[in-house]
């Protein structure tokens, strides 16, 4: 089994504004070997109940990835060729206890507009 390369929007703190609030730059980085699948029905129900949003896809993120996957956007390649928003918190399994190459689950919702 082999995943696809997705693009993740990464925010980097660049300083503060005149009110002392942090300012950020946003860049897109590529993440290889990500699995894209349909969400489990329980995940769809839970996210609809908790956030009022419908899960469109679920990503499996490879072990060792250190990117921050919450409150950001993900761009999927063809055949999806669309940008999605991450939904809720990611679920992370203990690397040594997960037999596959992927140990993190991220939910996506469609970005409107």
C-alpha atoms as a PDB file:
ATOM      1  CA  UNK A   1       0.000   0.000   0.000  1.00  0.00           C
ATOM      2  CA  UNK A   2       1.316   3.427  -0.909  1.00  0.00           C
ATOM      3  CA  UNK A   3       0.029   6.872  -0.005  1.00  0.00           C
ATOM      4  CA  UNK A   4      -0.066  10.100  -1.997  1.00  0.00           C
ATOM      5  CA  UNK A   5       1.749  13.400  -1.554  1.00  0.00           C
ATOM      6  CA  UNK A   6      -0.461  16.103  -0.047  1.00  0.00           C
ATOM      7  CA  UNK A   7       0.268  19.764   0.598  1.00  0.00           C
ATOM      8  CA  UNK A   8      -0.196  21.104   4.128  1.00  0.00           C
ATOM      9  CA  UNK A   9      -0.523  24.807   5.012  1.00  0.00           C
ATOM     10  CA  UNK A  10       1.956  25.514   7.792  1.00  0.00           C
ATOM     11  CA  UNK A  11       1.797  28.667   9.935  1.00  0.00           C
ATOM     12  CA  UNK A  12       5.052  30.099  11.284  1.00  0.00           C
ATOM     13  CA  UNK A  13       5.116  32.875  13.879  1.00  0.00           C
ATOM     14  CA  UNK A  14       7.002  35.851  12.440  1.00  0.00           C
ATOM     15  CA  UNK A  15       6.678  38.427  15.226  1.00  0.00           C
ATOM     16  CA  UNK A  16       4.026  40.579  16.837  1.00  0.00           C
ATOM     17  CA  UNK A  17       1.778  43.391  15.658  1.00  0.00           C
ATOM     18  CA  UNK A  18       1.356  46.828  17.265  1.00  0.00           C
ATOM     19  CA  UNK A  19      -1.030  45.353  19.861  1.00  0.00           C
ATOM     20  CA  UNK A  20       1.409  42.630  20.866  1.00  0.00           C
ATOM     21  CA  UNK A  21      -0.520  39.864  19.100  1.00  0.00           C
ATOM     22  CA  UNK A  22       1.506  37.265  17.180  1.00  0.00           C
ATOM     23  CA  UNK A  23       1.755  37.536  13.411  1.00  0.00           C
ATOM     24  CA  UNK A  24       2.220  34.540  11.117  1.00  0.00           C
ATOM     25  CA  UNK A  25       3.390  33.643   7.643  1.00  0.00           C
ATOM     26  CA  UNK A  26       1.754  30.734   5.812  1.00  0.00           C
ATOM     27  CA  UNK A  27       3.615  28.345   3.532  1.00  0.00           C
ATOM     28  CA  UNK A  28       2.671  25.102   1.814  1.00  0.00           C
ATOM     29  CA  UNK A  29       4.809  22.013   2.492  1.00  0.00           C
ATOM     30  CA  UNK A  30       4.595  18.578   0.869  1.00  0.00           C
ATOM     31  CA  UNK A  31       3.952  15.502   3.001  1.00  0.00           C
ATOM     32  CA  UNK A  32       4.580  12.129   1.319  1.00  0.00           C
ATOM     33  CA  UNK A  33       2.903   8.754   1.789  1.00  0.00           C
ATOM     34  CA  UNK A  34      -0.444   9.979   3.176  1.00  0.00           C
ATOM     35  CA  UNK A  35      -3.425   7.647   2.813  1.00  0.00           C
ATOM     36  CA  UNK A  36      -6.789   9.170   1.854  1.00  0.00           C
ATOM     37  CA  UNK A  37      -9.958   7.291   2.705  1.00  0.00           C
ATOM     38  CA  UNK A  38     -13.613   7.565   3.524  1.00  0.00           C
ATOM     39  CA  UNK A  39     -14.429   8.344   7.147  1.00  0.00           C
ATOM     40  CA  UNK A  40     -16.032   5.779   9.430  1.00  0.00           C
ATOM     41  CA  UNK A  41     -19.718   6.465  10.065  1.00  0.00           C
ATOM     42  CA  UNK A  42     -19.034   6.956  13.786  1.00  0.00           C
ATOM     43  CA  UNK A  43     -16.481   9.689  12.941  1.00  0.00           C
ATOM     44  CA  UNK A  44     -19.005  11.445  10.698  1.00  0.00           C
ATOM     45  CA  UNK A  45     -21.623  11.358  13.462  1.00  0.00           C
ATOM     46  CA  UNK A  46     -19.206  12.472  16.192  1.00  0.00           C
ATOM     47  CA  UNK A  47     -17.851  15.418  14.188  1.00  0.00           C
ATOM     48  CA  UNK A  48     -21.353  16.465  13.157  1.00  0.00           C
ATOM     49  CA  UNK A  49     -22.449  16.398  16.809  1.00  0.00           C
ATOM     50  CA  UNK A  50     -19.321  18.054  18.238  1.00  0.00           C
ATOM     51  CA  UNK A  51     -18.506  20.635  15.555  1.00  0.00           C
ATOM     52  CA  UNK A  52     -21.622  20.829  13.384  1.00  0.00           C
ATOM     53  CA  UNK A  53     -19.469  19.905  10.382  1.00  0.00           C
ATOM     54  CA  UNK A  54     -19.431  16.848   8.135  1.00  0.00           C
ATOM     55  CA  UNK A  55     -16.269  14.802   7.671  1.00  0.00           C
ATOM     56  CA  UNK A  56     -15.516  14.377   3.962  1.00  0.00           C
ATOM     57  CA  UNK A  57     -12.287  12.313   4.091  1.00  0.00           C
ATOM     58  CA  UNK A  58      -9.927  10.805   6.635  1.00  0.00           C
ATOM     59  CA  UNK A  59      -6.149  10.969   6.247  1.00  0.00           C
ATOM     60  CA  UNK A  60      -3.649   8.489   7.669  1.00  0.00           C
ATOM     61  CA  UNK A  61      -0.380  10.306   8.366  1.00  0.00           C
ATOM     62  CA  UNK A  62       2.928   8.401   8.279  1.00  0.00           C
ATOM     63  CA  UNK A  63       4.888   7.697  11.445  1.00  0.00           C
ATOM     64  CA  UNK A  64       7.561  10.261  12.238  1.00  0.00           C
ATOM     65  CA  UNK A  65       5.660  13.208  10.772  1.00  0.00           C
ATOM     66  CA  UNK A  66       5.999  16.220  13.087  1.00  0.00           C
ATOM     67  CA  UNK A  67       3.727  18.723  11.336  1.00  0.00           C
ATOM     68  CA  UNK A  68       0.849  20.408  13.150  1.00  0.00           C
ATOM     69  CA  UNK A  69      -2.336  19.145  11.469  1.00  0.00           C
ATOM     70  CA  UNK A  70      -4.981  21.031  13.459  1.00  0.00           C
ATOM     71  CA  UNK A  71      -6.764  24.221  12.361  1.00  0.00           C
ATOM     72  CA  UNK A  72      -5.149  24.309   8.930  1.00  0.00           C
ATOM     73  CA  UNK A  73      -5.748  23.372   5.290  1.00  0.00           C
ATOM     74  CA  UNK A  74      -4.716  20.378   3.200  1.00  0.00           C
ATOM     75  CA  UNK A  75      -4.529  20.281  -0.584  1.00  0.00           C
ATOM     76  CA  UNK A  76      -5.133  16.832  -2.101  1.00  0.00           C
ATOM     77  CA  UNK A  77      -3.785  15.776  -5.525  1.00  0.00           C
ATOM     78  CA  UNK A  78      -5.843  14.328  -8.402  1.00  0.00           C
ATOM     79  CA  UNK A  79      -8.361  12.743  -8.472  1.00  0.00           C
ATOM     80  CA  UNK A  80      -9.557  15.011  -5.632  1.00  0.00           C
ATOM     81  CA  UNK A  81      -7.672  18.182  -6.679  1.00  0.00           C
ATOM     82  CA  UNK A  82      -9.290  20.205  -3.934  1.00  0.00           C
ATOM     83  CA  UNK A  83      -8.400  22.031  -0.721  1.00  0.00           C
ATOM     84  CA  UNK A  84      -9.915  20.834   2.545  1.00  0.00           C
ATOM     85  CA  UNK A  85      -9.880  22.132   6.123  1.00  0.00           C
ATOM     86  CA  UNK A  86      -8.777  19.896   8.958  1.00  0.00           C
ATOM     87  CA  UNK A  87     -11.575  19.129  11.381  1.00  0.00           C
ATOM     88  CA  UNK A  88     -11.148  18.659  15.129  1.00  0.00           C
ATOM     89  CA  UNK A  89      -8.103  17.134  16.748  1.00  0.00           C
ATOM     90  CA  UNK A  90      -5.963  14.465  15.153  1.00  0.00           C
ATOM     91  CA  UNK A  91      -5.791  11.013  16.737  1.00  0.00           C
ATOM     92  CA  UNK A  92      -2.275   9.673  17.320  1.00  0.00           C
ATOM     93  CA  UNK A  93      -1.377   6.064  18.078  1.00  0.00           C
ATOM     94  CA  UNK A  94       1.822   4.950  19.817  1.00  0.00           C
ATOM     95  CA  UNK A  95       4.274   4.267  16.985  1.00  0.00           C
ATOM     96  CA  UNK A  96       5.623   1.030  18.490  1.00  0.00           C
ATOM     97  CA  UNK A  97       2.102  -0.363  18.937  1.00  0.00           C
ATOM     98  CA  UNK A  98       0.815   0.408  15.435  1.00  0.00           C
ATOM     99  CA  UNK A  99       1.865  -2.285  12.926  1.00  0.00           C
ATOM    100  CA  UNK A 100       1.476  -0.147   9.787  1.00  0.00           C
ATOM    101  CA  UNK A 101       3.506   2.848   8.536  1.00  0.00           C
ATOM    102  CA  UNK A 102       0.762   5.278   9.610  1.00  0.00           C
ATOM    103  CA  UNK A 103      -0.138   6.212  13.188  1.00  0.00           C
ATOM    104  CA  UNK A 104      -2.119   9.463  13.000  1.00  0.00           C
ATOM    105  CA  UNK A 105      -5.671  10.061  11.772  1.00  0.00           C
ATOM    106  CA  UNK A 106      -6.835  13.482  10.551  1.00  0.00           C
ATOM    107  CA  UNK A 107     -10.380  14.358   9.462  1.00  0.00           C
ATOM    108  CA  UNK A 108     -11.086  16.750   6.575  1.00  0.00           C
ATOM    109  CA  UNK A 109     -14.096  18.867   5.660  1.00  0.00           C
ATOM    110  CA  UNK A 110     -14.726  20.687   2.372  1.00  0.00           C
ATOM    111  CA  UNK A 111     -13.660  24.321   2.222  1.00  0.00           C
ATOM    112  CA  UNK A 112     -16.521  26.434   0.935  1.00  0.00           C
ATOM    113  CA  UNK A 113     -15.988  29.403  -1.258  1.00  0.00           C
END
